[in-house]
Amino acid sequence: MPNIKSAIKRVKTNEKANQANSQAKSAMRTAIKKVELAVLNNDVEASEEALRVAIRKLDKAVTKGLIHRNKADRQKSRLYKKVNSLKAQ
């Protein structure tokens, strides 16, 4: 443990930030899985709604610096392809 007061405060804020970041990343991953599950079940409406939520979570994760912009764009592209493949059928 650090001895300096500011370093002790820094440890506490880092722990809080780590917890918040972990929750945001987990929510993002869950949203992505919901889209994939809806696509797997051939549910067009549910997949479109889940896609909107997932896109929002991905964009927010980029804004917060949790993931890189290119990774979010790649994931969004893949999700769009999956949902659009349902519409084509």
N, C-alpha and C. Protein backbone atom coordinates (compact mmCIF):
# COMPACT_ATOMS: atom_id res chain seq x y z
N MET A 1 0.83 -1.20 0.00
CA MET A 1 0.00 0.00 0.00
C MET A 1 0.87 1.25 0.00
N PRO A 2 0.42 2.26 -0.71
CA PRO A 2 1.19 3.51 -0.73
C PRO A 2 1.09 4.26 0.59
N ASN A 3 2.09 5.05 0.89
CA ASN A 3 2.13 5.82 2.13
C ASN A 3 1.66 7.26 1.93
N ILE A 4 1.83 7.77 0.73
CA ILE A 4 1.50 9.17 0.45
C ILE A 4 -0.01 9.30 0.26
N LYS A 5 -0.56 10.37 0.82
CA LYS A 5 -2.01 10.57 0.83
C LYS A 5 -2.60 10.59 -0.58
N SER A 6 -1.96 11.30 -1.49
CA SER A 6 -2.49 11.39 -2.86
C SER A 6 -2.44 10.03 -3.56
N ALA A 7 -1.41 9.24 -3.24
CA ALA A 7 -1.30 7.91 -3.84
C ALA A 7 -2.39 6.98 -3.30
N ILE A 8 -2.72 7.14 -2.04
CA ILE A 8 -3.80 6.35 -1.44
C ILE A 8 -5.13 6.70 -2.11
N LYS A 9 -5.37 8.00 -2.32
CA LYS A 9 -6.58 8.44 -3.02
C LYS A 9 -6.62 7.89 -4.44
N ARG A 10 -5.47 7.90 -5.08
CA ARG A 10 -5.38 7.42 -6.46
C ARG A 10 -5.76 5.95 -6.56
N VAL A 11 -5.33 5.15 -5.58
CA VAL A 11 -5.67 3.72 -5.57
C VAL A 11 -7.18 3.56 -5.47
N LYS A 12 -7.81 4.36 -4.61
CA LYS A 12 -9.27 4.26 -4.46
C LYS A 12 -9.99 4.65 -5.75
N THR A 13 -9.57 5.74 -6.38
CA THR A 13 -10.24 6.17 -7.61
C THR A 13 -10.00 5.17 -8.74
N ASN A 14 -8.80 4.58 -8.76
CA ASN A 14 -8.52 3.56 -9.79
C ASN A 14 -9.42 2.35 -9.62
N GLU A 15 -9.67 1.96 -8.37
CA GLU A 15 -10.55 0.81 -8.12
C GLU A 15 -11.97 1.11 -8.57
N LYS A 16 -12.45 2.33 -8.27
CA LYS A 16 -13.79 2.72 -8.70
C LYS A 16 -13.89 2.73 -10.22
N ALA A 17 -12.89 3.32 -10.87
CA ALA A 17 -12.89 3.39 -12.34
C ALA A 17 -12.84 2.00 -12.94
N ASN A 18 -12.03 1.13 -12.35
CA ASN A 18 -11.91 -0.24 -12.85
C ASN A 18 -13.25 -0.96 -12.77
N GLN A 19 -13.95 -0.77 -11.67
CA GLN A 19 -15.25 -1.41 -11.50
C GLN A 19 -16.27 -0.88 -12.52
N ALA A 20 -16.28 0.43 -12.69
CA ALA A 20 -17.21 1.04 -13.65
C ALA A 20 -16.90 0.57 -15.07
N ASN A 21 -15.61 0.54 -15.42
CA ASN A 21 -15.21 0.10 -16.76
C ASN A 21 -15.58 -1.36 -16.99
N SER A 22 -15.38 -2.18 -15.97
CA SER A 22 -15.72 -3.60 -16.10
C SER A 22 -17.21 -3.79 -16.34
N GLN A 23 -18.02 -3.03 -15.61
CA GLN A 23 -19.47 -3.14 -15.79
C GLN A 23 -19.89 -2.68 -17.19
N ALA A 24 -19.29 -1.61 -17.67
CA ALA A 24 -19.64 -1.09 -18.99
C ALA A 24 -19.24 -2.08 -20.08
N LYS A 25 -18.05 -2.67 -19.95
CA LYS A 25 -17.60 -3.64 -20.94
C LYS A 25 -18.47 -4.89 -20.93
N SER A 26 -18.85 -5.32 -19.74
CA SER A 26 -19.69 -6.50 -19.61
C SER A 26 -21.07 -6.25 -20.23
N ALA A 27 -21.63 -5.07 -20.00
CA ALA A 27 -22.93 -4.72 -20.58
C ALA A 27 -22.84 -4.68 -22.10
N MET A 28 -21.72 -4.18 -22.60
CA MET A 28 -21.51 -4.12 -24.05
C MET A 28 -21.47 -5.53 -24.64
N ARG A 29 -20.72 -6.41 -24.00
CA ARG A 29 -20.61 -7.79 -24.49
C ARG A 29 -21.97 -8.49 -24.44
N THR A 30 -22.72 -8.25 -23.37
CA THR A 30 -24.05 -8.86 -23.23
C THR A 30 -24.98 -8.38 -24.35
N ALA A 31 -24.91 -7.10 -24.66
CA ALA A 31 -25.75 -6.55 -25.73
C ALA A 31 -25.41 -7.19 -27.07
N ILE A 32 -24.13 -7.41 -27.32
CA ILE A 32 -23.70 -8.06 -28.57
C ILE A 32 -24.23 -9.49 -28.62
N LYS A 33 -24.14 -10.20 -27.50
CA LYS A 33 -24.62 -11.58 -27.45
C LYS A 33 -26.13 -11.66 -27.68
N LYS A 34 -26.87 -10.65 -27.19
CA LYS A 34 -28.32 -10.64 -27.40
C LYS A 34 -28.67 -10.50 -28.87
N VAL A 35 -27.89 -9.70 -29.60
CA VAL A 35 -28.11 -9.56 -31.04
C VAL A 35 -27.86 -10.90 -31.72
N GLU A 36 -26.75 -11.53 -31.38
CA GLU A 36 -26.40 -12.80 -32.02
C GLU A 36 -27.42 -13.88 -31.70
N LEU A 37 -27.95 -13.86 -30.47
CA LEU A 37 -28.96 -14.85 -30.09
C LEU A 37 -30.26 -14.62 -30.85
N ALA A 38 -30.65 -13.37 -31.01
CA ALA A 38 -31.88 -13.05 -31.75
C ALA A 38 -31.73 -13.46 -33.22
N VAL A 39 -30.54 -13.25 -33.78
CA VAL A 39 -30.29 -13.66 -35.17
C VAL A 39 -30.37 -15.17 -35.28
N LEU A 40 -29.81 -15.85 -34.30
CA LEU A 40 -29.82 -17.31 -34.30
C LEU A 40 -31.24 -17.85 -34.25
N ASN A 41 -32.12 -17.14 -33.54
CA ASN A 41 -33.52 -17.56 -33.42
C ASN A 41 -34.39 -17.04 -34.57
N ASN A 42 -33.78 -16.39 -35.56
CA ASN A 42 -34.47 -15.83 -36.72
C ASN A 42 -35.58 -14.85 -36.33
N ASP A 43 -35.35 -14.07 -35.29
CA ASP A 43 -36.32 -13.07 -34.83
C ASP A 43 -35.87 -11.70 -35.33
N VAL A 44 -36.51 -11.22 -36.39
CA VAL A 44 -36.09 -9.98 -37.04
C VAL A 44 -36.29 -8.77 -36.13
N GLU A 45 -37.49 -8.66 -35.54
CA GLU A 45 -37.78 -7.49 -34.71
C GLU A 45 -36.87 -7.42 -33.49
N ALA A 46 -36.70 -8.55 -32.81
CA ALA A 46 -35.86 -8.58 -31.61
C ALA A 46 -34.40 -8.28 -31.96
N SER A 47 -33.96 -8.79 -33.11
CA SER A 47 -32.57 -8.55 -33.50
C SER A 47 -32.33 -7.09 -33.84
N GLU A 48 -33.31 -6.43 -34.47
CA GLU A 48 -33.16 -5.01 -34.79
C GLU A 48 -33.12 -4.16 -33.53
N GLU A 49 -33.99 -4.48 -32.58
CA GLU A 49 -34.00 -3.73 -31.31
C GLU A 49 -32.71 -3.97 -30.54
N ALA A 50 -32.27 -5.22 -30.48
CA ALA A 50 -31.03 -5.54 -29.78
C ALA A 50 -29.83 -4.89 -30.47
N LEU A 51 -29.92 -4.78 -31.79
CA LEU A 51 -28.84 -4.12 -32.55
C LEU A 51 -28.73 -2.66 -32.17
N ARG A 52 -29.87 -1.98 -32.05
CA ARG A 52 -29.85 -0.56 -31.66
C ARG A 52 -29.18 -0.38 -30.30
N VAL A 53 -29.52 -1.26 -29.36
CA VAL A 53 -28.94 -1.18 -28.02
C VAL A 53 -27.44 -1.46 -28.07
N ALA A 54 -27.05 -2.47 -28.84
CA ALA A 54 -25.64 -2.85 -28.93
C ALA A 54 -24.81 -1.74 -29.56
N ILE A 55 -25.34 -1.10 -30.60
CA ILE A 55 -24.62 -0.01 -31.26
C ILE A 55 -24.40 1.13 -30.28
N ARG A 56 -25.43 1.44 -29.50
CA ARG A 56 -25.32 2.50 -28.50
C ARG A 56 -24.24 2.17 -27.47
N LYS A 57 -24.23 0.91 -27.01
CA LYS A 57 -23.23 0.49 -26.01
C LYS A 57 -21.82 0.53 -26.59
N LEU A 58 -21.67 0.10 -27.84
CA LEU A 58 -20.36 0.13 -28.48
C LEU A 58 -19.85 1.56 -28.62
N ASP A 59 -20.73 2.45 -29.07
CA ASP A 59 -20.33 3.85 -29.24
C ASP A 59 -19.94 4.49 -27.91
N LYS A 60 -20.68 4.15 -26.88
CA LYS A 60 -20.39 4.69 -25.56
C LYS A 60 -19.05 4.16 -25.04
N ALA A 61 -18.76 2.89 -25.32
CA ALA A 61 -17.49 2.31 -24.89
C ALA A 61 -16.32 3.00 -25.59
N VAL A 62 -16.50 3.36 -26.85
CA VAL A 62 -15.46 4.09 -27.58
C VAL A 62 -15.25 5.46 -26.95
N THR A 63 -16.35 6.14 -26.64
CA THR A 63 -16.27 7.47 -26.05
C THR A 63 -15.53 7.45 -24.72
N LYS A 64 -15.77 6.40 -23.95
CA LYS A 64 -15.13 6.28 -22.64
C LYS A 64 -13.70 5.74 -22.73
N GLY A 65 -13.30 5.31 -23.92
CA GLY A 65 -11.95 4.81 -24.09
C GLY A 65 -11.78 3.35 -23.69
N LEU A 66 -12.88 2.61 -23.61
CA LEU A 66 -12.80 1.21 -23.21
C LEU A 66 -12.32 0.32 -24.34
N ILE A 67 -12.73 0.65 -25.56
CA ILE A 67 -12.28 -0.10 -26.73
C ILE A 67 -11.88 0.89 -27.82
N HIS A 68 -11.12 0.41 -28.77
CA HIS A 68 -10.66 1.26 -29.87
C HIS A 68 -11.80 1.47 -30.87
N ARG A 69 -11.78 2.60 -31.51
CA ARG A 69 -12.83 2.95 -32.48
C ARG A 69 -12.93 1.93 -33.60
N ASN A 70 -11.79 1.46 -34.09
CA ASN A 70 -11.81 0.48 -35.19
C ASN A 70 -12.43 -0.84 -34.76
N LYS A 71 -12.18 -1.24 -33.52
CA LYS A 71 -12.77 -2.48 -33.03
C LYS A 71 -14.29 -2.35 -32.96
N ALA A 72 -14.76 -1.22 -32.48
CA ALA A 72 -16.21 -0.99 -32.40
C ALA A 72 -16.82 -0.99 -33.79
N ASP A 73 -16.15 -0.33 -34.74
CA ASP A 73 -16.66 -0.29 -36.11
C ASP A 73 -16.71 -1.69 -36.71
N ARG A 74 -15.70 -2.48 -36.45
CA ARG A 74 -15.66 -3.86 -36.97
C ARG A 74 -16.80 -4.68 -36.38
N GLN A 75 -17.02 -4.55 -35.06
CA GLN A 75 -18.10 -5.31 -34.42
C GLN A 75 -19.47 -4.86 -34.92
N LYS A 76 -19.64 -3.56 -35.09
CA LYS A 76 -20.91 -3.04 -35.60
C LYS A 76 -21.16 -3.57 -37.01
N SER A 77 -20.13 -3.58 -37.83
CA SER A 77 -20.27 -4.06 -39.20
C SER A 77 -20.70 -5.52 -39.22
N ARG A 78 -20.09 -6.32 -38.38
CA ARG A 78 -20.43 -7.74 -38.34
C ARG A 78 -21.86 -7.95 -37.86
N LEU A 79 -22.28 -7.16 -36.86
CA LEU A 79 -23.65 -7.29 -36.36
C LEU A 79 -24.66 -6.85 -37.42
N TYR A 80 -24.36 -5.75 -38.12
CA TYR A 80 -25.25 -5.30 -39.20
C TYR A 80 -25.39 -6.38 -40.26
N LYS A 81 -24.29 -7.02 -40.63
CA LYS A 81 -24.34 -8.07 -41.64
C LYS A 81 -25.25 -9.21 -41.20
N LYS A 82 -25.13 -9.61 -39.93
CA LYS A 82 -25.95 -10.71 -39.42
C LYS A 82 -27.43 -10.35 -39.44
N VAL A 83 -27.76 -9.14 -38.98
CA VAL A 83 -29.16 -8.72 -38.93
C VAL A 83 -29.72 -8.55 -40.35
N ASN A 84 -28.93 -7.98 -41.24
CA ASN A 84 -29.38 -7.80 -42.62
C ASN A 84 -29.55 -9.12 -43.35
N SER A 85 -28.80 -10.14 -42.97
CA SER A 85 -28.96 -11.44 -43.60
C SER A 85 -30.33 -12.03 -43.25
N LEU A 86 -30.85 -11.68 -42.08
CA LEU A 86 -32.21 -12.14 -41.71
C LEU A 86 -33.26 -11.50 -42.60
N LYS A 87 -33.08 -10.20 -42.88
CA LYS A 87 -34.05 -9.47 -43.69
C LYS A 87 -34.09 -10.02 -45.12
N ALA A 88 -32.94 -10.46 -45.62
CA ALA A 88 -32.84 -10.94 -46.99
C ALA A 88 -33.59 -12.28 -47.17
N GLN A 89 -33.72 -13.01 -46.09
CA GLN A 89 -34.36 -14.33 -46.19
C GLN A 89 -35.85 -14.24 -46.33
